[in-house]
PDB file of N, CA and C in Angstrom:
ATOM      1  N   UNK A   1      42.731  40.228  33.155  1.00  0.00           N
ATOM      2  CA  UNK A   1      41.423  39.800  32.721  1.00  0.00           C
ATOM      3  C   UNK A   1      40.539  39.712  33.975  1.00  0.00           C
ATOM      4  N   UNK A   2      39.374  40.279  33.846  1.00  0.00           N
ATOM      5  CA  UNK A   2      38.484  40.307  34.996  1.00  0.00           C
ATOM      6  C   UNK A   2      37.692  39.008  35.090  1.00  0.00           C
ATOM      7  N   UNK A   3      37.110  38.810  36.243  1.00  0.00           N
ATOM      8  CA  UNK A   3      36.299  37.619  36.486  1.00  0.00           C
ATOM      9  C   UNK A   3      35.100  37.589  35.547  1.00  0.00           C
ATOM     10  N   UNK A   4      34.495  38.720  35.290  1.00  0.00           N
ATOM     11  CA  UNK A   4      33.328  38.784  34.410  1.00  0.00           C
ATOM     12  C   UNK A   4      33.694  38.363  32.988  1.00  0.00           C
ATOM     13  N   UNK A   5      34.848  38.766  32.509  1.00  0.00           N
ATOM     14  CA  UNK A   5      35.278  38.409  31.158  1.00  0.00           C
ATOM     15  C   UNK A   5      35.527  36.902  31.066  1.00  0.00           C
ATOM     16  N   UNK A   6      36.184  36.338  32.121  1.00  0.00           N
ATOM     17  CA  UNK A   6      36.421  34.885  32.124  1.00  0.00           C
ATOM     18  C   UNK A   6      35.115  34.107  32.156  1.00  0.00           C
ATOM     19  N   UNK A   7      34.182  34.544  32.980  1.00  0.00           N
ATOM     20  CA  UNK A   7      32.890  33.869  33.074  1.00  0.00           C
ATOM     21  C   UNK A   7      32.111  33.967  31.761  1.00  0.00           C
ATOM     22  N   UNK A   8      32.201  35.109  31.097  1.00  0.00           N
ATOM     23  CA  UNK A   8      31.543  35.270  29.805  1.00  0.00           C
ATOM     24  C   UNK A   8      32.142  34.316  28.774  1.00  0.00           C
ATOM     25  N   UNK A   9      33.447  34.195  28.747  1.00  0.00           N
ATOM     26  CA  UNK A   9      34.114  33.271  27.832  1.00  0.00           C
ATOM     27  C   UNK A   9      33.731  31.823  28.120  1.00  0.00           C
ATOM     28  N   UNK A  10      33.674  31.465  29.403  1.00  0.00           N
ATOM     29  CA  UNK A  10      33.285  30.119  29.803  1.00  0.00           C
ATOM     30  C   UNK A  10      31.833  29.832  29.410  1.00  0.00           C
ATOM     31  N   UNK A  11      30.964  30.801  29.608  1.00  0.00           N
ATOM     32  CA  UNK A  11      29.544  30.633  29.239  1.00  0.00           C
ATOM     33  C   UNK A  11      29.399  30.467  27.731  1.00  0.00           C
ATOM     34  N   UNK A  12      30.156  31.209  26.956  1.00  0.00           N
ATOM     35  CA  UNK A  12      30.094  31.091  25.498  1.00  0.00           C
ATOM     36  C   UNK A  12      30.558  29.709  25.036  1.00  0.00           C
ATOM     37  N   UNK A  13      31.633  29.186  25.659  1.00  0.00           N
ATOM     38  CA  UNK A  13      32.113  27.842  25.301  1.00  0.00           C
ATOM     39  C   UNK A  13      31.054  26.782  25.631  1.00  0.00           C
ATOM     40  N   UNK A  14      30.392  26.926  26.781  1.00  0.00           N
ATOM     41  CA  UNK A  14      29.327  25.974  27.149  1.00  0.00           C
ATOM     42  C   UNK A  14      28.177  26.015  26.149  1.00  0.00           C
ATOM     43  N   UNK A  15      27.790  27.213  25.731  1.00  0.00           N
ATOM     44  CA  UNK A  15      26.697  27.350  24.768  1.00  0.00           C
ATOM     45  C   UNK A  15      27.082  26.711  23.439  1.00  0.00           C
ATOM     46  N   UNK A  16      28.305  26.945  22.970  1.00  0.00           N
ATOM     47  CA  UNK A  16      28.754  26.336  21.711  1.00  0.00           C
ATOM     48  C   UNK A  16      28.790  24.815  21.814  1.00  0.00           C
ATOM     49  N   UNK A  17      29.262  24.290  22.942  1.00  0.00           N
ATOM     50  CA  UNK A  17      29.315  22.832  23.131  1.00  0.00           C
ATOM     51  C   UNK A  17      27.905  22.236  23.139  1.00  0.00           C
ATOM     52  N   UNK A  18      26.979  22.870  23.851  1.00  0.00           N
ATOM     53  CA  UNK A  18      25.603  22.359  23.893  1.00  0.00           C
ATOM     54  C   UNK A  18      24.924  22.462  22.535  1.00  0.00           C
ATOM     55  N   UNK A  19      25.206  23.526  21.799  1.00  0.00           N
ATOM     56  CA  UNK A  19      24.649  23.649  20.453  1.00  0.00           C
ATOM     57  C   UNK A  19      25.198  22.552  19.551  1.00  0.00           C
ATOM     58  N   UNK A  20      26.485  22.282  19.652  1.00  0.00           N
ATOM     59  CA  UNK A  20      27.078  21.208  18.853  1.00  0.00           C
ATOM     60  C   UNK A  20      26.466  19.866  19.227  1.00  0.00           C
ATOM     61  N   UNK A  21      26.218  19.636  20.501  1.00  0.00           N
ATOM     62  CA  UNK A  21      25.584  18.389  20.936  1.00  0.00           C
ATOM     63  C   UNK A  21      24.140  18.309  20.438  1.00  0.00           C
ATOM     64  N   UNK A  22      23.423  19.427  20.509  1.00  0.00           N
ATOM     65  CA  UNK A  22      22.016  19.434  20.087  1.00  0.00           C
ATOM     66  C   UNK A  22      21.882  19.137  18.595  1.00  0.00           C
ATOM     67  N   UNK A  23      22.857  19.519  17.804  1.00  0.00           N
ATOM     68  CA  UNK A  23      22.816  19.256  16.362  1.00  0.00           C
ATOM     69  C   UNK A  23      23.504  17.934  16.041  1.00  0.00           C
ATOM     70  N   UNK A  24      24.628  17.664  16.657  1.00  0.00           N
ATOM     71  CA  UNK A  24      25.438  16.501  16.318  1.00  0.00           C
ATOM     72  C   UNK A  24      24.824  15.174  16.716  1.00  0.00           C
ATOM     73  N   UNK A  25      24.204  15.106  17.868  1.00  0.00           N
ATOM     74  CA  UNK A  25      23.648  13.832  18.326  1.00  0.00           C
ATOM     75  C   UNK A  25      22.516  13.345  17.412  1.00  0.00           C
ATOM     76  N   UNK A  26      21.507  14.172  17.079  1.00  0.00           N
ATOM     77  CA  UNK A  26      20.478  13.687  16.154  1.00  0.00           C
ATOM     78  C   UNK A  26      21.034  13.314  14.778  1.00  0.00           C
ATOM     79  N   UNK A  27      21.993  14.071  14.275  1.00  0.00           N
ATOM     80  CA  UNK A  27      22.597  13.742  12.977  1.00  0.00           C
ATOM     81  C   UNK A  27      23.301  12.384  13.056  1.00  0.00           C
ATOM     82  N   UNK A  28      24.026  12.128  14.140  1.00  0.00           N
ATOM     83  CA  UNK A  28      24.717  10.854  14.304  1.00  0.00           C
ATOM     84  C   UNK A  28      23.719   9.701  14.411  1.00  0.00           C
ATOM     85  N   UNK A  29      22.625   9.888  15.133  1.00  0.00           N
ATOM     86  CA  UNK A  29      21.619   8.837  15.277  1.00  0.00           C
ATOM     87  C   UNK A  29      20.972   8.538  13.928  1.00  0.00           C
ATOM     88  N   UNK A  30      20.586   9.563  13.181  1.00  0.00           N
ATOM     89  CA  UNK A  30      19.977   9.354  11.863  1.00  0.00           C
ATOM     90  C   UNK A  30      20.946   8.670  10.899  1.00  0.00           C
ATOM     91  N   UNK A  31      22.193   9.057  10.947  1.00  0.00           N
ATOM     92  CA  UNK A  31      23.198   8.416  10.097  1.00  0.00           C
ATOM     93  C   UNK A  31      23.312   6.931  10.447  1.00  0.00           C
ATOM     94  N   UNK A  32      23.321   6.619  11.734  1.00  0.00           N
ATOM     95  CA  UNK A  32      23.377   5.222  12.161  1.00  0.00           C
ATOM     96  C   UNK A  32      22.172   4.428  11.688  1.00  0.00           C
ATOM     97  N   UNK A  33      21.001   5.036  11.760  1.00  0.00           N
ATOM     98  CA  UNK A  33      19.789   4.357  11.300  1.00  0.00           C
ATOM     99  C   UNK A  33      19.881   4.058   9.810  1.00  0.00           C
ATOM    100  N   UNK A  34      20.288   5.033   9.018  1.00  0.00           N
ATOM    101  CA  UNK A  34      20.405   4.812   7.578  1.00  0.00           C
ATOM    102  C   UNK A  34      21.473   3.771   7.254  1.00  0.00           C
ATOM    103  N   UNK A  35      22.567   3.786   7.982  1.00  0.00           N
ATOM    104  CA  UNK A  35      23.633   2.808   7.743  1.00  0.00           C
ATOM    105  C   UNK A  35      23.117   1.395   7.996  1.00  0.00           C
ATOM    106  N   UNK A  36      22.203   1.237   8.949  1.00  0.00           N
ATOM    107  CA  UNK A  36      21.642  -0.086   9.224  1.00  0.00           C
ATOM    108  C   UNK A  36      20.504  -0.457   8.283  1.00  0.00           C
ATOM    109  N   UNK A  37      19.657   0.501   7.925  1.00  0.00           N
ATOM    110  CA  UNK A  37      18.460   0.200   7.142  1.00  0.00           C
ATOM    111  C   UNK A  37      18.738  -0.078   5.670  1.00  0.00           C
ATOM    112  N   UNK A  38      19.697   0.584   5.091  1.00  0.00           N
ATOM    113  CA  UNK A  38      19.967   0.393   3.663  1.00  0.00           C
ATOM    114  C   UNK A  38      20.407  -1.049   3.374  1.00  0.00           C
ATOM    115  N   UNK A  39      21.394  -1.592   4.088  1.00  0.00           N
ATOM    116  CA  UNK A  39      21.729  -3.012   3.822  1.00  0.00           C
ATOM    117  C   UNK A  39      20.589  -3.955   4.190  1.00  0.00           C
ATOM    118  N   UNK A  40      19.854  -3.640   5.243  1.00  0.00           N
ATOM    119  CA  UNK A  40      18.732  -4.488   5.640  1.00  0.00           C
ATOM    120  C   UNK A  40      17.669  -4.527   4.549  1.00  0.00           C
ATOM    121  N   UNK A  41      17.447  -3.406   3.880  1.00  0.00           N
ATOM    122  CA  UNK A  41      16.483  -3.353   2.789  1.00  0.00           C
ATOM    123  C   UNK A  41      16.908  -4.275   1.641  1.00  0.00           C
ATOM    124  N   UNK A  42      18.183  -4.241   1.298  1.00  0.00           N
ATOM    125  CA  UNK A  42      18.676  -5.106   0.225  1.00  0.00           C
ATOM    126  C   UNK A  42      18.583  -6.578   0.616  1.00  0.00           C
ATOM    127  N   UNK A  43      18.914  -6.890   1.857  1.00  0.00           N
ATOM    128  CA  UNK A  43      18.868  -8.280   2.318  1.00  0.00           C
ATOM    129  C   UNK A  43      17.432  -8.782   2.327  1.00  0.00           C
ATOM    130  N   UNK A  44      16.506  -7.988   2.881  1.00  0.00           N
ATOM    131  CA  UNK A  44      15.120  -8.457   2.964  1.00  0.00           C
ATOM    132  C   UNK A  44      14.501  -8.600   1.580  1.00  0.00           C
ATOM    133  N   UNK A  45      14.865  -7.721   0.642  1.00  0.00           N
ATOM    134  CA  UNK A  45      14.303  -7.867  -0.705  1.00  0.00           C
ATOM    135  C   UNK A  45      14.843  -9.107  -1.397  1.00  0.00           C
ATOM    136  N   UNK A  46      16.074  -9.484  -1.124  1.00  0.00           N
ATOM    137  CA  UNK A  46      16.608 -10.695  -1.750  1.00  0.00           C
ATOM    138  C   UNK A  46      16.017 -11.956  -1.120  1.00  0.00           C
ATOM    139  N   UNK A  47      15.563 -11.863   0.119  1.00  0.00           N
ATOM    140  CA  UNK A  47      14.944 -13.011   0.782  1.00  0.00           C
ATOM    141  C   UNK A  47      13.449 -13.104   0.517  1.00  0.00           C
ATOM    142  N   UNK A  48      12.900 -12.197  -0.292  1.00  0.00           N
ATOM    143  CA  UNK A  48      11.469 -12.258  -0.617  1.00  0.00           C
ATOM    144  C   UNK A  48      11.228 -12.749  -2.047  1.00  0.00           C
ATOM    145  N   UNK A  49      12.260 -13.282  -2.687  1.00  0.00           N
ATOM    146  CA  UNK A  49      12.138 -13.774  -4.067  1.00  0.00           C
ATOM    147  C   UNK A  49      11.566 -15.187  -4.043  1.00  0.00           C
ATOM    148  N   UNK A  50      10.451 -15.366  -4.736  1.00  0.00           N
ATOM    149  CA  UNK A  50       9.805 -16.679  -4.840  1.00  0.00           C
ATOM    150  C   UNK A  50      10.252 -17.350  -6.136  1.00  0.00           C
ATOM    151  N   UNK A  51      10.747 -18.558  -6.011  1.00  0.00           N
ATOM    152  CA  UNK A  51      11.196 -19.327  -7.163  1.00  0.00           C
ATOM    153  C   UNK A  51       9.996 -19.636  -8.062  1.00  0.00           C
ATOM    154  N   UNK A  52      10.122 -19.427  -9.387  1.00  0.00           N
ATOM    155  CA  UNK A  52       9.001 -19.697 -10.289  1.00  0.00           C
ATOM    156  C   UNK A  52       8.471 -21.134 -10.191  1.00  0.00           C
ATOM    157  N   UNK A  53       9.351 -22.104  -9.985  1.00  0.00           N
ATOM    158  CA  UNK A  53       8.900 -23.491  -9.870  1.00  0.00           C
ATOM    159  C   UNK A  53       8.071 -23.693  -8.601  1.00  0.00           C
ATOM    160  N   UNK A  54       8.463 -23.036  -7.516  1.00  0.00           N
ATOM    161  CA  UNK A  54       7.690 -23.127  -6.272  1.00  0.00           C
ATOM    162  C   UNK A  54       6.325 -22.476  -6.456  1.00  0.00           C
ATOM    163  N   UNK A  55       6.298 -21.338  -7.179  1.00  0.00           N
ATOM    164  CA  UNK A  55       5.018 -20.666  -7.449  1.00  0.00           C
ATOM    165  C   UNK A  55       4.101 -21.588  -8.250  1.00  0.00           C
ATOM    166  N   UNK A  56       4.630 -22.201  -9.290  1.00  0.00           N
ATOM    167  CA  UNK A  56       3.827 -23.092 -10.131  1.00  0.00           C
ATOM    168  C   UNK A  56       3.326 -24.301  -9.342  1.00  0.00           C
ATOM    169  N   UNK A  57       4.099 -24.739  -8.354  1.00  0.00           N
ATOM    170  CA  UNK A  57       3.715 -25.903  -7.572  1.00  0.00           C
ATOM    171  C   UNK A  57       2.621 -25.645  -6.547  1.00  0.00           C
ATOM    172  N   UNK A  58       2.320 -24.382  -6.283  1.00  0.00           N
ATOM    173  CA  UNK A  58       1.258 -24.063  -5.322  1.00  0.00           C
ATOM    174  C   UNK A  58      -0.104 -24.281  -5.965  1.00  0.00           C
ATOM    175  N   UNK A  59      -0.992 -24.945  -5.260  1.00  0.00           N
ATOM    176  CA  UNK A  59      -2.325 -25.258  -5.796  1.00  0.00           C
ATOM    177  C   UNK A  59      -3.408 -24.659  -4.913  1.00  0.00           C
ATOM    178  N   UNK A  60      -4.485 -24.175  -5.540  1.00  0.00           N
ATOM    179  CA  UNK A  60      -5.633 -23.643  -4.800  1.00  0.00           C
ATOM    180  C   UNK A  60      -6.193 -24.729  -3.902  1.00  0.00           C
ATOM    181  N   UNK A  61      -6.553 -24.338  -2.683  1.00  0.00           N
ATOM    182  CA  UNK A  61      -7.087 -25.274  -1.712  1.00  0.00           C
ATOM    183  C   UNK A  61      -6.039 -25.815  -0.761  1.00  0.00           C
ATOM    184  N   UNK A  62      -4.771 -25.565  -1.084  1.00  0.00           N
ATOM    185  CA  UNK A  62      -3.670 -26.052  -0.257  1.00  0.00           C
ATOM    186  C   UNK A  62      -3.644 -25.296   1.084  1.00  0.00           C
ATOM    187  N   UNK A  63      -3.434 -25.998   2.207  1.00  0.00           N
ATOM    188  CA  UNK A  63      -3.347 -25.308   3.494  1.00  0.00           C
ATOM    189  C   UNK A  63      -2.144 -24.365   3.548  1.00  0.00           C
ATOM    190  N   UNK A  64      -2.316 -23.254   4.245  1.00  0.00           N
ATOM    191  CA  UNK A  64      -1.249 -22.256   4.365  1.00  0.00           C
ATOM    192  C   UNK A  64       0.012 -22.870   4.959  1.00  0.00           C
ATOM    193  N   UNK A  65      -0.131 -23.716   5.967  1.00  0.00           N
ATOM    194  CA  UNK A  65       1.044 -24.322   6.600  1.00  0.00           C
ATOM    195  C   UNK A  65       1.836 -25.185   5.623  1.00  0.00           C
ATOM    196  N   UNK A  66       1.153 -25.894   4.724  1.00  0.00           N
ATOM    197  CA  UNK A  66       1.857 -26.699   3.721  1.00  0.00           C
ATOM    198  C   UNK A  66       2.582 -25.812   2.721  1.00  0.00           C
ATOM    199  N   UNK A  67       1.955 -24.718   2.318  1.00  0.00           N
ATOM    200  CA  UNK A  67       2.565 -23.792   1.355  1.00  0.00           C
ATOM    201  C   UNK A  67       3.741 -23.051   1.983  1.00  0.00           C
ATOM    202  N   UNK A  68       3.646 -22.733   3.261  1.00  0.00           N
ATOM    203  CA  UNK A  68       4.669 -21.928   3.942  1.00  0.00           C
ATOM    204  C   UNK A  68       6.051 -22.550   3.844  1.00  0.00           C
ATOM    205  N   UNK A  69       6.136 -23.872   3.846  1.00  0.00           N
ATOM    206  CA  UNK A  69       7.450 -24.524   3.790  1.00  0.00           C
ATOM    207  C   UNK A  69       8.170 -24.284   2.459  1.00  0.00           C
ATOM    208  N   UNK A  70       7.440 -23.899   1.418  1.00  0.00           N
ATOM    209  CA  UNK A  70       8.040 -23.661   0.098  1.00  0.00           C
ATOM    210  C   UNK A  70       8.162 -22.180  -0.233  1.00  0.00           C
ATOM    211  N   UNK A  71       7.792 -21.321   0.712  1.00  0.00           N
ATOM    212  CA  UNK A  71       7.812 -19.880   0.468  1.00  0.00           C
ATOM    213  C   UNK A  71       9.059 -19.241   1.071  1.00  0.00           C
ATOM    214  N   UNK A  72       9.488 -18.089   0.530  1.00  0.00           N
ATOM    215  CA  UNK A  72      10.645 -17.381   1.086  1.00  0.00           C
ATOM    216  C   UNK A  72      10.390 -16.939   2.535  1.00  0.00           C
ATOM    217  N   UNK A  73      11.483 -16.610   3.215  1.00  0.00           N
ATOM    218  CA  UNK A  73      11.405 -16.198   4.613  1.00  0.00           C
ATOM    219  C   UNK A  73      10.659 -14.878   4.787  1.00  0.00           C
ATOM    220  N   UNK A  74      10.761 -13.982   3.801  1.00  0.00           N
ATOM    221  CA  UNK A  74      10.144 -12.662   3.899  1.00  0.00           C
ATOM    222  C   UNK A  74       9.160 -12.444   2.751  1.00  0.00           C
ATOM    223  N   UNK A  75       8.205 -11.562   2.978  1.00  0.00           N
ATOM    224  CA  UNK A  75       7.315 -11.107   1.914  1.00  0.00           C
ATOM    225  C   UNK A  75       7.754  -9.711   1.502  1.00  0.00           C
ATOM    226  N   UNK A  76       7.211  -9.237   0.392  1.00  0.00           N
ATOM    227  CA  UNK A  76       7.447  -7.838  -0.005  1.00  0.00           C
ATOM    228  C   UNK A  76       6.747  -6.935   0.994  1.00  0.00           C
ATOM    229  N   UNK A  77       7.146  -5.675   1.027  1.00  0.00           N
ATOM    230  CA  UNK A  77       6.513  -4.709   1.930  1.00  0.00           C
ATOM    231  C   UNK A  77       5.065  -4.445   1.551  1.00  0.00           C
ATOM    232  N   UNK A  78       4.719  -4.672   0.317  1.00  0.00           N
ATOM    233  CA  UNK A  78       3.356  -4.440  -0.144  1.00  0.00           C
ATOM    234  C   UNK A  78       3.254  -4.752  -1.612  1.00  0.00           C
ATOM    235  N   UNK A  79       2.087  -4.516  -2.177  1.00  0.00           N
ATOM    236  CA  UNK A  79       1.915  -4.822  -3.607  1.00  0.00           C
ATOM    237  C   UNK A  79       2.702  -3.846  -4.467  1.00  0.00           C
ATOM    238  N   UNK A  80       3.084  -4.256  -5.671  1.00  0.00           N
ATOM    239  CA  UNK A  80       3.749  -3.331  -6.586  1.00  0.00           C
ATOM    240  C   UNK A  80       2.750  -2.299  -7.111  1.00  0.00           C
ATOM    241  N   UNK A  81       3.272  -1.225  -7.659  1.00  0.00           N
ATOM    242  CA  UNK A  81       2.409  -0.191  -8.246  1.00  0.00           C
ATOM    243  C   UNK A  81       1.552  -0.798  -9.347  1.00  0.00           C
ATOM    244  N   UNK A  82       0.283  -0.426  -9.374  1.00  0.00           N
ATOM    245  CA  UNK A  82      -0.624  -0.894 -10.407  1.00  0.00           C
ATOM    246  C   UNK A  82      -1.296  -2.219 -10.098  1.00  0.00           C
ATOM    247  N   UNK A  83      -0.989  -2.799  -8.941  1.00  0.00           N
ATOM    248  CA  UNK A  83      -1.620  -4.086  -8.586  1.00  0.00           C
ATOM    249  C   UNK A  83      -3.072  -3.839  -8.181  1.00  0.00           C
ATOM    250  N   UNK A  84      -3.972  -4.714  -8.577  1.00  0.00           N
ATOM    251  CA  UNK A  84      -5.370  -4.556  -8.169  1.00  0.00           C
ATOM    252  C   UNK A  84      -5.522  -4.790  -6.666  1.00  0.00           C
ATOM    253  N   UNK A  85      -6.605  -4.275  -6.127  1.00  0.00           N
ATOM    254  CA  UNK A  85      -6.879  -4.461  -4.697  1.00  0.00           C
ATOM    255  C   UNK A  85      -7.125  -5.940  -4.416  1.00  0.00           C
ATOM    256  N   UNK A  86      -6.745  -6.390  -3.220  1.00  0.00           N
ATOM    257  CA  UNK A  86      -7.006  -7.795  -2.882  1.00  0.00           C
ATOM    258  C   UNK A  86      -8.501  -8.076  -2.835  1.00  0.00           C
ATOM    259  N   UNK A  87      -8.901  -9.275  -3.181  1.00  0.00           N
ATOM    260  CA  UNK A  87     -10.321  -9.624  -3.106  1.00  0.00           C
ATOM    261  C   UNK A  87     -10.831  -9.508  -1.666  1.00  0.00           C
ATOM    262  N   UNK A  88     -12.078  -9.107  -1.487  1.00  0.00           N
ATOM    263  CA  UNK A  88     -12.621  -8.977  -0.139  1.00  0.00           C
ATOM    264  C   UNK A  88     -12.595 -10.315   0.606  1.00  0.00           C
ATOM    265  N   UNK A  89     -12.228 -10.255   1.876  1.00  0.00           N
ATOM    266  CA  UNK A  89     -12.217 -11.446   2.717  1.00  0.00           C
ATOM    267  C   UNK A  89     -10.997 -12.330   2.541  1.00  0.00           C
ATOM    268  N   UNK A  90     -10.035 -11.875   1.747  1.00  0.00           N
ATOM    269  CA  UNK A  90      -8.826 -12.674   1.532  1.00  0.00           C
ATOM    270  C   UNK A  90      -7.609 -11.938   2.071  1.00  0.00           C
ATOM    271  N   UNK A  91      -6.709 -12.693   2.646  1.00  0.00           N
ATOM    272  CA  UNK A  91      -5.445 -12.167   3.163  1.00  0.00           C
ATOM    273  C   UNK A  91      -4.379 -12.466   2.121  1.00  0.00           C
ATOM    274  N   UNK A  92      -3.868 -11.424   1.466  1.00  0.00           N
ATOM    275  CA  UNK A  92      -2.910 -11.624   0.374  1.00  0.00           C
ATOM    276  C   UNK A  92      -1.498 -11.238   0.808  1.00  0.00           C
ATOM    277  N   UNK A  93      -0.533 -12.025   0.353  1.00  0.00           N
ATOM    278  CA  UNK A  93       0.875 -11.726   0.570  1.00  0.00           C
ATOM    279  C   UNK A  93       1.551 -11.646  -0.796  1.00  0.00           C
ATOM    280  N   UNK A  94       2.630 -10.886  -0.860  1.00  0.00           N
ATOM    281  CA  UNK A  94       3.310 -10.628  -2.129  1.00  0.00           C
ATOM    282  C   UNK A  94       4.766 -11.050  -2.030  1.00  0.00           C
ATOM    283  N   UNK A  95       5.260 -11.675  -3.098  1.00  0.00           N
ATOM    284  CA  UNK A  95       6.648 -12.102  -3.190  1.00  0.00           C
ATOM    285  C   UNK A  95       7.258 -11.553  -4.474  1.00  0.00           C
ATOM    286  N   UNK A  96       8.536 -11.286  -4.432  1.00  0.00           N
ATOM    287  CA  UNK A  96       9.241 -10.714  -5.573  1.00  0.00           C
ATOM    288  C   UNK A  96       9.403 -11.736  -6.691  1.00  0.00           C
ATOM    289  N   UNK A  97       9.173 -11.286  -7.927  1.00  0.00           N
ATOM    290  CA  UNK A  97       9.448 -12.088  -9.121  1.00  0.00           C
ATOM    291  C   UNK A  97      10.909 -11.841  -9.474  1.00  0.00           C
ATOM    292  N   UNK A  98      11.686 -12.883  -9.553  1.00  0.00           N
ATOM    293  CA  UNK A  98      13.132 -12.745  -9.741  1.00  0.00           C
ATOM    294  C   UNK A  98      13.491 -11.936 -10.977  1.00  0.00           C
ATOM    295  N   UNK A  99      12.843 -12.178 -12.087  1.00  0.00           N
ATOM    296  CA  UNK A  99      13.241 -11.533 -13.338  1.00  0.00           C
ATOM    297  C   UNK A  99      12.611 -10.155 -13.541  1.00  0.00           C
ATOM    298  N   UNK A 100      11.699  -9.753 -12.672  1.00  0.00           N
ATOM    299  CA  UNK A 100      10.977  -8.499 -12.902  1.00  0.00           C
ATOM    300  C   UNK A 100      10.570  -7.883 -11.567  1.00  0.00           C
ATOM    301  N   UNK A 101      11.321  -6.884 -11.121  1.00  0.00           N
ATOM    302  CA  UNK A 101      11.041  -6.289  -9.815  1.00  0.00           C
ATOM    303  C   UNK A 101       9.786  -5.411  -9.822  1.00  0.00           C
ATOM    304  N   UNK A 102       9.245  -5.097 -11.006  1.00  0.00           N
ATOM    305  CA  UNK A 102       8.038  -4.272 -11.076  1.00  0.00           C
ATOM    306  C   UNK A 102       6.776  -5.113 -10.865  1.00  0.00           C
ATOM    307  N   UNK A 103       6.912  -6.437 -10.909  1.00  0.00           N
ATOM    308  CA  UNK A 103       5.763  -7.321 -10.705  1.00  0.00           C
ATOM    309  C   UNK A 103       6.005  -8.182  -9.468  1.00  0.00           C
ATOM    310  N   UNK A 104       4.950  -8.818  -9.006  1.00  0.00           N
ATOM    311  CA  UNK A 104       5.060  -9.676  -7.817  1.00  0.00           C
ATOM    312  C   UNK A 104       4.108 -10.850  -7.948  1.00  0.00           C
ATOM    313  N   UNK A 105       4.446 -11.917  -7.241  1.00  0.00           N
ATOM    314  CA  UNK A 105       3.523 -13.032  -7.089  1.00  0.00           C
ATOM    315  C   UNK A 105       2.586 -12.678  -5.937  1.00  0.00           C
ATOM    316  N   UNK A 106       1.283 -12.776  -6.166  1.00  0.00           N
ATOM    317  CA  UNK A 106       0.313 -12.528  -5.104  1.00  0.00           C
ATOM    318  C   UNK A 106      -0.350 -13.852  -4.749  1.00  0.00           C
ATOM    319  N   UNK A 107      -0.267 -14.209  -3.475  1.00  0.00           N
ATOM    320  CA  UNK A 107      -0.927 -15.405  -2.966  1.00  0.00           C
ATOM    321  C   UNK A 107      -1.993 -14.954  -1.983  1.00  0.00           C
ATOM    322  N   UNK A 108      -3.232 -15.366  -2.216  1.00  0.00           N
ATOM    323  CA  UNK A 108      -4.336 -14.956  -1.355  1.00  0.00           C
ATOM    324  C   UNK A 108      -4.888 -16.164  -0.616  1.00  0.00           C
ATOM    325  N   UNK A 109      -5.090 -15.966   0.671  1.00  0.00           N
ATOM    326  CA  UNK A 109      -5.572 -17.032   1.542  1.00  0.00           C
ATOM    327  C   UNK A 109      -6.899 -16.622   2.177  1.00  0.00           C
ATOM    328  N   UNK A 110      -7.752 -17.593   2.385  1.00  0.00           N
ATOM    329  CA  UNK A 110      -8.994 -17.408   3.140  1.00  0.00           C
ATOM    330  C   UNK A 110      -9.166 -18.668   3.995  1.00  0.00           C
ATOM    331  N   UNK A 111      -9.469 -18.464   5.243  1.00  0.00           N
ATOM    332  CA  UNK A 111      -9.620 -19.579   6.190  1.00  0.00           C
ATOM    333  C   UNK A 111      -8.404 -20.510   6.122  1.00  0.00           C
ATOM    334  N   UNK A 112      -7.202 -19.893   6.056  1.00  0.00           N
ATOM    335  CA  UNK A 112      -5.916 -20.605   6.033  1.00  0.00           C
ATOM    336  C   UNK A 112      -5.770 -21.610   4.898  1.00  0.00           C
ATOM    337  N   UNK A 113      -6.404 -21.304   3.762  1.00  0.00           N
ATOM    338  CA  UNK A 113      -6.235 -22.103   2.543  1.00  0.00           C
ATOM    339  C   UNK A 113      -5.915 -21.151   1.395  1.00  0.00           C
ATOM    340  N   UNK A 114      -5.043 -21.589   0.496  1.00  0.00           N
ATOM    341  CA  UNK A 114      -4.711 -20.806  -0.684  1.00  0.00           C
ATOM    342  C   UNK A 114      -5.940 -20.802  -1.604  1.00  0.00           C
ATOM    343  N   UNK A 115      -6.469 -19.620  -1.884  1.00  0.00           N
ATOM    344  CA  UNK A 115      -7.661 -19.550  -2.740  1.00  0.00           C
ATOM    345  C   UNK A 115      -7.332 -18.982  -4.115  1.00  0.00           C
ATOM    346  N   UNK A 116      -6.259 -18.211  -4.218  1.00  0.00           N
ATOM    347  CA  UNK A 116      -5.887 -17.710  -5.551  1.00  0.00           C
ATOM    348  C   UNK A 116      -4.419 -17.321  -5.561  1.00  0.00           C
ATOM    349  N   UNK A 117      -3.861 -17.371  -6.749  1.00  0.00           N
ATOM    350  CA  UNK A 117      -2.494 -16.909  -6.958  1.00  0.00           C
ATOM    351  C   UNK A 117      -2.460 -16.182  -8.288  1.00  0.00           C
ATOM    352  N   UNK A 118      -1.650 -15.146  -8.365  1.00  0.00           N
ATOM    353  CA  UNK A 118      -1.587 -14.346  -9.596  1.00  0.00           C
ATOM    354  C   UNK A 118      -0.266 -13.591  -9.634  1.00  0.00           C
ATOM    355  N   UNK A 119       0.098 -13.172 -10.833  1.00  0.00           N
ATOM    356  CA  UNK A 119       1.213 -12.258 -11.010  1.00  0.00           C
ATOM    357  C   UNK A 119       0.592 -10.879 -11.170  1.00  0.00           C
ATOM    358  N   UNK A 120       1.016  -9.930 -10.311  1.00  0.00           N
ATOM    359  CA  UNK A 120       0.435  -8.588 -10.350  1.00  0.00           C
ATOM    360  C   UNK A 120       1.539  -7.552 -10.518  1.00  0.00           C
ATOM    361  N   UNK A 121       1.288  -6.441 -11.183  1.00  0.00           N
ATOM    362  CA  UNK A 121       0.206  -6.288 -12.111  1.00  0.00           C
ATOM    363  C   UNK A 121       0.390  -7.233 -13.296  1.00  0.00           C
ATOM    364  N   UNK A 122      -0.702  -7.559 -13.974  1.00  0.00           N
ATOM    365  CA  UNK A 122      -0.596  -8.500 -15.102  1.00  0.00           C
ATOM    366  C   UNK A 122       0.383  -7.986 -16.153  1.00  0.00           C
ATOM    367  N   UNK A 123       1.097  -8.905 -16.822  1.00  0.00           N
ATOM    368  CA  UNK A 123       2.062  -8.486 -17.853  1.00  0.00           C
ATOM    369  C   UNK A 123       1.388  -7.785 -19.017  1.00  0.00           C
TER     370      UNK A 123
END
């Protein structure tokens, strides 16, 4: 076997190894991300459920800091489909309704006071 043939074989092995790395590393990283995000999604959604009694106990005019102690650790990622736009000048947060994942509790604050609460979209 000549030196040129050995070098050609060695070069081909290097190219195959680098190609495998170029494809394998991104696939492994994406797989790792999905393995972490899927359980995290389930955990965060379960921690965004607002108890109906806590929702009923919230009153308009209540300071945000007072309400925060009775609210779940997480909010929903956003409003459910079909929810109306938030009122202008209000900062609204959404919490999961335990019995109905298609609806959410919407709490709207202005100047750090609860100004409105609603179930969206309406039943």
